[in-house]
Structure formats: C-alpha cells, structure tokens
Amino acid sequence: MSDAVSPDAPLRLGVSSCLLGREVRFDGGHKRDRFLTDLLGSFVEWVPVCPEVEVGMGVPRPSLRLVRDGGRVRMVEKASGVDHTRDMERYAVRRVRALRGLDLCGYVLKKDSPSCGMTRVKVYSAQGMPRKDGVGVYAAALMEAYPELPVEDEGRLHDPKLRENFIESVFAYRRLRSLFRGSWSDRQVVAFHTVHKLQLMAHSPAAYRELGRLVAERKQLGRVDFRARYERGFMAALRHRATRGRNTNVLQHAAGHLKKRLDAAARGELAELIEDYRSGLVPLVVPLTLIRHHVRRYDVEYLQGQLFLEPHPKELMLRNHV
C-alpha cells in the first residue's frame, strides 16, 4: 500500500466483484455475500476487482481451472485448454501495483477461483485428478506484493472465529498505517503499543513480548528498519487467532485492574461471567460488556484505552458469536 493511511481516509477494502452482487461470473451470475454487502459494507468503501473480466475475458466466458504442467501451474480454459496464464500474470502485476495508491486495509477474495482463490484451489494433474493445494494467479500476486495486508476469502469468513479475526486485523492494520503517517514520534509508537497490549496478548503473548523489546530498542534502530520490523511483527501477531484460553487470561488481567474498585459481589459476578466464557457457556461479548461498564463507571484510564475491549464497531456483532 502507499506510505501510510490518513486517519480521515475511507476504510477501503479490495473485494472480488462477484461478492458484491455484480454479474461478472463465467456463467453471467454473481456470488453476492450479504455479510459483506449488508453489514460490513456500512463501514467500508469497497474496491471491486474481477481479474478475469479486467484482463479481457467476456461475460459469459469459458470456465477456467488451474493445471499443473511439470513444475509450473497454468490457468487454462476447461474445455478447450486455451492458456491464459501469461496474460493473467501480466495483468495481476499491473493491477496489484495500481492498488498501491488506494490505501487498502484488507481484501476479500472469491474462494476456489483459479484467479482469486487464496488457498486450497483445485489444481488438476495431466491425468485430470485435482488436488486442493493451489492459489489463484491474481491472489498470489496480491499476497506477495502486500504480505502484511489482511486477506481472506468469503468462504472462510463463514467461520465466526475467522470472520472476527479478519475484521479485527483490518481495523488494526488501519490504525497501524495511520501511526506511521508523516513524521511519527517515539511517544506515538509507545502509546500505540500500549493501547494494543491486551489485544496482542490475546493473540500471541510471545509476539507481544517480542514487540515490546523492539519498542524498547527503537532508538538503536533506524526509523525505516524499526517501522518495517514493527509492522511485520504486529500483523504477524494478529494472524495468530485469539483462543478462548488466551482471551480468558486477558479478561482476568483486565478484571485485576478493577478489583480495588469493585465490592465482593461485583467481583464475584465478573469472575463468574469470565468462567462462563472460558467454559463456552456464553460468548465473549458477555464478560466484555460488564468490564466496559465498570471501566466507564469507575473511569479506569488504563483500560479505557485498550483496543481489546472494542477493536471494531459493535454493530458488526462479531463477538456475539465467539
């Protein structure tokens, strides 16, 4: 992406055009995803891309598939065998480069697509037997060019945990890019790292500690080197999915900052809800709601700033299902 995201810029996400309901599929249809259009669409500006149409194929068009040819994977027409690999690879390089100026904070790809599939795309052998170990030609170029960019496919987003993790990463990536906009200061870096402490701990305590060491050593590193290493480490930490166990530890940590302000009954109620979450009886939103209530009531400054408590808009209701 471009050097950094302005905090005033729209939250832009790339998306396979068919997922927005555009009739660009090989059969003239679409694959509209209502979570993307009806819910997430209220908070983002979509940048739709259909590589197969943009490279010059028509609608409708012959269906495509990936075929393994020796050590190389090619994208060919299923019926005729016409090879579109070279054209798609050239297009992908140009299109991905053009995205750089749009400050994307995430990307949703069409699953199983020979152009857009991000994982487990069928690759056929010369004998016609498929293995689900491929990546779409365009998707591969996208992920290689922007390795820190949060990317998912719409199929995986049907899993509530993967969905929550992706959206959390999108909003975190935007904040990260905004941090490094312009002439960022050491104080801004420390403040950013501090408010993400609990969030990082829920994903990877080891990564949180490593990033802490990096922040402590920032003055010994060049600004360019520090920024690159912090961005890489921060987004790598978020790729570790938060588990129920780690979330429980973070909830208990937050409760520890409240215990001197709560009476015995309130402490017991909070501890019980955290245990109910740990046991899988209630979703994460339940203990979090009570913690946020106490934080507001008692004006707990440290917890007020922690992004773990509300890392994305509550209207998305993502933590109602994890």
Protein backbone atom coordinates (compact mmCIF):
# COMPACT_ATOMS: atom_id res chain seq x y z
CA MET A 1 0.00 0.00 0.00
CA SER A 2 1.02 3.67 -0.07
CA ASP A 3 3.31 5.09 2.58
CA ALA A 4 0.56 5.38 5.19
CA VAL A 5 -3.17 5.70 5.63
CA SER A 6 -4.65 9.07 6.52
CA PRO A 7 -6.98 8.75 9.52
CA ASP A 8 -9.55 10.76 7.57
CA ALA A 9 -9.47 8.49 4.51
CA PRO A 10 -12.27 5.94 3.92
CA LEU A 11 -11.62 2.44 5.21
CA ARG A 12 -11.07 0.74 1.85
CA LEU A 13 -11.15 -2.99 1.23
CA GLY A 14 -10.49 -4.77 -2.02
CA VAL A 15 -13.07 -7.38 -2.98
CA SER A 16 -13.85 -9.81 -5.76
CA SER A 17 -16.60 -8.04 -7.71
CA CYS A 18 -18.95 -11.03 -7.80
CA LEU A 19 -19.19 -10.96 -3.98
CA LEU A 20 -20.90 -7.56 -4.19
CA GLY A 21 -23.57 -8.98 -6.48
CA ARG A 22 -22.02 -7.89 -9.78
CA GLU A 23 -22.85 -10.31 -12.58
CA VAL A 24 -19.30 -10.98 -13.72
CA ARG A 25 -19.03 -14.74 -13.19
CA PHE A 26 -18.16 -17.04 -16.06
CA ASP A 27 -21.84 -18.05 -16.27
CA GLY A 28 -23.10 -14.47 -16.09
CA GLY A 29 -24.12 -14.79 -12.45
CA HIS A 30 -22.80 -13.47 -9.14
CA LYS A 31 -21.99 -14.72 -5.64
CA ARG A 32 -23.31 -11.89 -3.50
CA ASP A 33 -22.29 -12.22 0.14
CA ARG A 34 -24.78 -10.47 2.41
CA PHE A 35 -22.37 -10.06 5.32
CA LEU A 36 -20.10 -8.05 3.05
CA THR A 37 -22.81 -6.02 1.32
CA ASP A 38 -25.43 -5.56 4.04
CA LEU A 39 -23.35 -5.36 7.23
CA LEU A 40 -19.65 -4.75 6.66
CA GLY A 41 -20.45 -2.52 3.69
CA SER A 42 -21.79 0.14 6.08
CA PHE A 43 -18.28 0.65 7.48
CA VAL A 44 -16.02 0.31 4.44
CA GLU A 45 -15.55 1.56 0.91
CA TRP A 46 -15.23 -1.38 -1.46
CA VAL A 47 -12.71 -1.51 -4.29
CA PRO A 48 -14.16 -4.22 -6.55
CA VAL A 49 -11.89 -6.19 -8.88
CA CYS A 50 -12.69 -9.03 -11.29
CA PRO A 51 -9.41 -10.15 -12.82
CA GLU A 52 -10.99 -12.33 -15.48
CA VAL A 53 -13.19 -9.52 -16.80
CA GLU A 54 -10.48 -6.87 -16.46
CA VAL A 55 -7.96 -8.99 -18.35
CA GLY A 56 -10.35 -9.03 -21.30
CA MET A 57 -12.49 -12.16 -20.96
CA GLY A 58 -16.17 -11.73 -21.62
CA VAL A 59 -19.34 -12.46 -19.66
CA PRO A 60 -20.31 -15.22 -20.04
CA ARG A 61 -17.00 -16.94 -20.80
CA PRO A 62 -15.50 -20.42 -20.77
CA SER A 63 -14.81 -21.73 -17.26
CA LEU A 64 -11.17 -21.85 -16.15
CA ARG A 65 -9.11 -24.14 -13.98
CA LEU A 66 -5.54 -24.49 -12.74
CA VAL A 67 -3.47 -27.28 -14.28
CA ARG A 68 -0.06 -28.49 -13.13
CA ASP A 69 2.38 -28.60 -16.02
CA GLY A 70 5.64 -30.02 -14.72
CA GLY A 71 6.83 -27.60 -12.06
CA ARG A 72 4.50 -24.83 -13.18
CA VAL A 73 0.80 -24.17 -12.60
CA ARG A 74 -1.15 -22.78 -15.54
CA MET A 75 -4.61 -21.21 -15.82
CA VAL A 76 -6.44 -22.70 -18.78
CA GLU A 77 -9.92 -22.98 -20.22
CA LYS A 78 -11.50 -26.20 -19.00
CA ALA A 79 -12.98 -27.30 -22.34
CA SER A 80 -10.50 -26.03 -24.93
CA GLY A 81 -7.25 -25.91 -22.97
CA VAL A 82 -6.55 -22.33 -24.11
CA ASP A 83 -3.85 -20.98 -21.81
CA HIS A 84 -4.44 -17.59 -20.13
CA THR A 85 -1.57 -17.79 -17.63
CA ARG A 86 0.76 -15.25 -19.17
CA ASP A 87 -1.95 -12.65 -19.75
CA MET A 88 -3.27 -13.06 -16.19
CA GLU A 89 0.19 -12.85 -14.63
CA ARG A 90 0.97 -9.63 -16.52
CA TYR A 91 -2.40 -8.16 -15.64
CA ALA A 92 -2.00 -9.15 -11.97
CA VAL A 93 1.31 -7.30 -11.67
CA ARG A 94 -0.20 -4.13 -13.17
CA ARG A 95 -3.44 -4.30 -11.18
CA VAL A 96 -1.74 -5.00 -7.87
CA ARG A 97 0.65 -2.11 -8.45
CA ALA A 98 -2.30 0.19 -9.20
CA LEU A 99 -3.87 -0.70 -5.85
CA ARG A 100 -0.92 0.81 -4.00
CA GLY A 101 -2.34 4.33 -4.16
CA LEU A 102 -5.72 3.31 -2.75
CA ASP A 103 -4.58 2.60 0.82
CA LEU A 104 -6.38 -0.73 1.12
CA CYS A 105 -6.70 -2.07 4.67
CA GLY A 106 -7.84 -5.55 3.71
CA TYR A 107 -9.06 -7.75 0.87
CA VAL A 108 -11.84 -10.35 0.48
CA LEU A 109 -11.30 -12.85 -2.32
CA LYS A 110 -13.61 -15.37 -4.02
CA LYS A 111 -12.91 -18.85 -2.73
CA ASP A 112 -11.93 -21.66 -5.12
CA SER A 113 -11.41 -19.25 -8.03
CA PRO A 114 -8.46 -20.01 -10.37
CA SER A 115 -7.77 -16.27 -10.42
CA CYS A 116 -8.88 -15.11 -6.94
CA GLY A 117 -8.74 -18.15 -4.66
CA MET A 118 -6.36 -17.55 -1.74
CA THR A 119 -5.98 -21.15 -0.58
CA ARG A 120 -6.99 -24.74 -1.38
CA VAL A 121 -7.82 -24.04 -5.04
CA LYS A 122 -8.10 -27.19 -7.15
CA VAL A 123 -5.05 -27.87 -9.30
CA TYR A 124 -5.51 -30.61 -11.89
CA SER A 125 -2.83 -33.05 -12.93
CA ALA A 126 -2.22 -34.15 -16.51
CA GLN A 127 -4.37 -37.19 -15.70
CA GLY A 128 -7.24 -34.93 -14.66
CA MET A 129 -7.10 -35.62 -10.93
CA PRO A 130 -7.32 -32.47 -8.76
CA ARG A 131 -5.50 -31.58 -5.57
CA LYS A 132 -6.73 -28.70 -3.42
CA ASP A 133 -3.34 -27.08 -2.91
CA GLY A 134 -3.38 -24.15 -5.30
CA VAL A 135 -3.61 -20.35 -5.15
CA GLY A 136 -5.31 -18.21 -7.78
CA VAL A 137 -2.97 -16.38 -10.14
CA TYR A 138 -4.16 -12.90 -9.18
CA ALA A 139 -4.43 -13.75 -5.47
CA ALA A 140 -0.83 -14.99 -5.44
CA ALA A 141 0.43 -11.70 -6.90
CA LEU A 142 -1.66 -9.69 -4.41
CA MET A 143 -0.43 -11.54 -1.33
CA GLU A 144 3.19 -11.49 -2.49
CA ALA A 145 3.09 -7.73 -3.08
CA TYR A 146 1.38 -6.89 0.25
CA PRO A 147 2.37 -9.58 2.77
CA GLU A 148 1.06 -7.65 5.80
CA LEU A 149 -2.35 -6.85 4.27
CA PRO A 150 -5.22 -8.80 5.92
CA VAL A 151 -6.64 -11.13 3.24
CA GLU A 152 -9.46 -13.67 3.50
CA ASP A 153 -11.90 -15.45 1.22
CA GLU A 154 -15.64 -15.27 1.69
CA GLY A 155 -15.90 -18.99 2.37
CA ARG A 156 -13.61 -18.83 5.39
CA LEU A 157 -15.50 -15.77 6.63
CA HIS A 158 -18.50 -18.00 7.33
CA ASP A 159 -16.50 -19.26 10.33
CA PRO A 160 -17.28 -16.78 13.17
CA LYS A 161 -13.75 -17.01 14.61
CA LEU A 162 -12.06 -16.39 11.27
CA ARG A 163 -14.51 -13.59 10.50
CA GLU A 164 -13.86 -11.83 13.80
CA ASN A 165 -10.10 -12.25 13.43
CA PHE A 166 -10.11 -10.83 9.89
CA ILE A 167 -12.20 -7.77 10.74
CA GLU A 168 -10.15 -7.16 13.88
CA SER A 169 -7.00 -7.29 11.72
CA VAL A 170 -8.48 -4.88 9.17
CA PHE A 171 -9.16 -2.19 11.76
CA ALA A 172 -5.81 -2.81 13.46
CA TYR A 173 -4.00 -2.52 10.13
CA ARG A 174 -5.66 0.83 9.51
CA ARG A 175 -4.50 2.11 12.92
CA LEU A 176 -1.00 0.78 12.28
CA ARG A 177 -0.74 2.52 8.94
CA SER A 178 -2.13 5.73 10.41
CA LEU A 179 0.52 5.60 13.15
CA PHE A 180 3.31 5.77 10.63
CA ARG A 181 1.73 8.59 8.64
CA GLY A 182 4.09 11.54 8.35
CA SER A 183 6.76 12.25 10.96
CA TRP A 184 5.73 9.83 13.70
CA SER A 185 7.36 10.18 17.10
CA ASP A 186 8.69 7.74 19.69
CA ARG A 187 5.92 8.81 22.04
CA GLN A 188 3.27 7.92 19.45
CA VAL A 189 4.82 4.49 18.99
CA VAL A 190 4.82 3.81 22.74
CA ALA A 191 1.21 4.99 23.03
CA PHE A 192 0.14 2.79 20.11
CA HIS A 193 1.87 -0.24 21.57
CA THR A 194 0.36 0.40 25.00
CA VAL A 195 -3.27 0.56 23.85
CA HIS A 196 -2.81 -2.67 21.89
CA LYS A 197 -1.28 -4.57 24.81
CA LEU A 198 -4.29 -6.70 25.71
CA GLN A 199 -5.23 -7.26 22.10
CA LEU A 200 -1.75 -8.55 21.27
CA MET A 201 -1.68 -10.72 24.40
CA ALA A 202 -4.95 -12.38 23.31
CA HIS A 203 -3.36 -13.32 20.00
CA SER A 204 0.20 -14.15 20.98
CA PRO A 205 1.87 -13.33 24.32
CA ALA A 206 5.23 -14.26 22.80
CA ALA A 207 4.75 -11.83 19.92
CA TYR A 208 3.65 -9.12 22.36
CA ARG A 209 6.87 -9.57 24.36
CA GLU A 210 8.99 -9.52 21.22
CA LEU A 211 7.31 -6.33 20.01
CA GLY A 212 7.86 -4.81 23.45
CA ARG A 213 11.57 -5.50 23.17
CA LEU A 214 11.56 -3.96 19.71
CA VAL A 215 9.86 -0.80 21.01
CA ALA A 216 12.37 -0.58 23.86
CA GLU A 217 15.26 -0.79 21.36
CA ARG A 218 13.70 1.55 18.78
CA LYS A 219 16.25 4.34 19.31
CA GLN A 220 19.07 1.96 18.41
CA LEU A 221 17.43 1.16 15.08
CA GLY A 222 16.97 3.34 12.05
CA ARG A 223 13.44 4.66 11.58
CA VAL A 224 12.90 2.72 8.36
CA ASP A 225 14.16 -0.53 9.88
CA PHE A 226 12.12 -0.12 13.07
CA ARG A 227 8.95 0.66 11.18
CA ALA A 228 9.32 -2.33 8.86
CA ARG A 229 10.06 -4.71 11.72
CA TYR A 230 7.24 -3.41 13.90
CA GLU A 231 4.66 -3.54 11.11
CA ARG A 232 5.73 -7.06 10.19
CA GLY A 233 5.70 -8.28 13.79
CA PHE A 234 2.41 -6.58 14.68
CA MET A 235 0.47 -8.08 11.78
CA ALA A 236 2.13 -11.47 12.28
CA ALA A 237 0.90 -11.43 15.88
CA LEU A 238 -2.69 -10.82 14.76
CA ARG A 239 -2.52 -13.74 12.36
CA HIS A 240 -2.40 -15.97 15.45
CA ARG A 241 -6.08 -16.40 16.19
CA ALA A 242 -7.13 -15.38 19.70
CA THR A 243 -8.14 -18.51 21.61
CA ARG A 244 -10.71 -18.91 24.36
CA GLY A 245 -7.89 -19.61 26.80
CA ARG A 246 -5.86 -16.52 25.91
CA ASN A 247 -8.97 -14.36 25.87
CA THR A 248 -9.78 -15.66 29.35
CA ASN A 249 -6.32 -14.71 30.58
CA VAL A 250 -6.76 -11.21 29.17
CA LEU A 251 -10.22 -10.85 30.73
CA GLN A 252 -8.76 -11.87 34.09
CA HIS A 253 -5.94 -9.38 33.61
CA ALA A 254 -8.49 -6.63 32.95
CA ALA A 255 -10.50 -7.73 35.99
CA GLY A 256 -7.37 -7.33 38.07
CA HIS A 257 -7.35 -3.60 37.23
CA LEU A 258 -10.91 -3.35 38.56
CA LYS A 259 -10.75 -5.39 41.76
CA LYS A 260 -9.91 -2.49 44.10
CA ARG A 261 -12.90 -0.56 42.81
CA LEU A 262 -15.48 -3.36 42.97
CA ASP A 263 -17.17 -4.80 46.04
CA ALA A 264 -17.17 -8.53 46.69
CA ALA A 265 -20.48 -9.12 44.91
CA ALA A 266 -19.40 -7.26 41.77
CA ARG A 267 -16.04 -9.06 41.71
CA GLY A 268 -17.84 -12.38 42.06
CA GLU A 269 -20.27 -11.57 39.26
CA LEU A 270 -17.43 -10.65 36.91
CA ALA A 271 -15.38 -13.72 37.82
CA GLU A 272 -18.41 -15.93 37.19
CA LEU A 273 -19.03 -14.46 33.74
CA ILE A 274 -15.36 -14.88 32.80
CA GLU A 275 -15.55 -18.52 33.91
CA ASP A 276 -18.78 -18.98 31.91
CA TYR A 277 -16.95 -17.67 28.85
CA ARG A 278 -13.98 -19.94 29.49
CA SER A 279 -16.35 -22.90 29.71
CA GLY A 280 -18.08 -21.99 26.46
CA LEU A 281 -21.42 -21.12 28.10
CA VAL A 282 -21.51 -17.51 26.90
CA PRO A 283 -19.85 -15.59 24.03
CA LEU A 284 -17.00 -13.14 24.52
CA VAL A 285 -19.33 -10.14 24.34
CA VAL A 286 -20.92 -11.03 27.71
CA PRO A 287 -17.94 -10.55 30.07
CA LEU A 288 -16.63 -7.74 27.87
CA THR A 289 -19.87 -5.79 28.25
CA LEU A 290 -19.63 -5.95 32.02
CA ILE A 291 -15.97 -4.96 32.00
CA ARG A 292 -16.69 -1.98 29.75
CA HIS A 293 -19.50 -0.96 32.11
CA HIS A 294 -17.16 -0.96 35.11
CA VAL A 295 -14.42 0.83 33.16
CA ARG A 296 -16.81 3.66 32.29
CA ARG A 297 -18.34 3.80 35.76
CA TYR A 298 -15.05 3.97 37.61
CA ASP A 299 -13.11 5.88 34.94
CA VAL A 300 -10.27 3.33 34.74
CA GLU A 301 -7.88 5.22 32.48
CA TYR A 302 -5.60 2.29 31.60
CA LEU A 303 -8.46 0.07 30.46
CA GLN A 304 -10.34 2.88 28.71
CA GLY A 305 -7.70 2.94 26.02
CA GLN A 306 -7.30 -0.79 25.50
CA LEU A 307 -8.43 -1.75 21.99
CA PHE A 308 -9.12 -5.33 23.11
CA LEU A 309 -12.34 -4.09 24.71
CA GLU A 310 -13.73 -2.80 21.39
CA PRO A 311 -11.43 -3.40 18.40
CA HIS A 312 -14.15 -2.93 15.77
CA PRO A 313 -17.66 -1.44 15.57
CA LYS A 314 -20.07 -3.17 17.94
CA GLU A 315 -22.76 -3.03 15.24
CA LEU A 316 -20.91 -5.83 13.44
CA MET A 317 -21.76 -8.10 16.42
CA LEU A 318 -18.68 -10.22 15.76
CA ARG A 319 -18.03 -11.06 19.40
CA ASN A 320 -21.61 -12.23 19.89
CA HIS A 321 -20.55 -15.46 18.15
CA VAL A 322 -17.06 -16.25 19.52
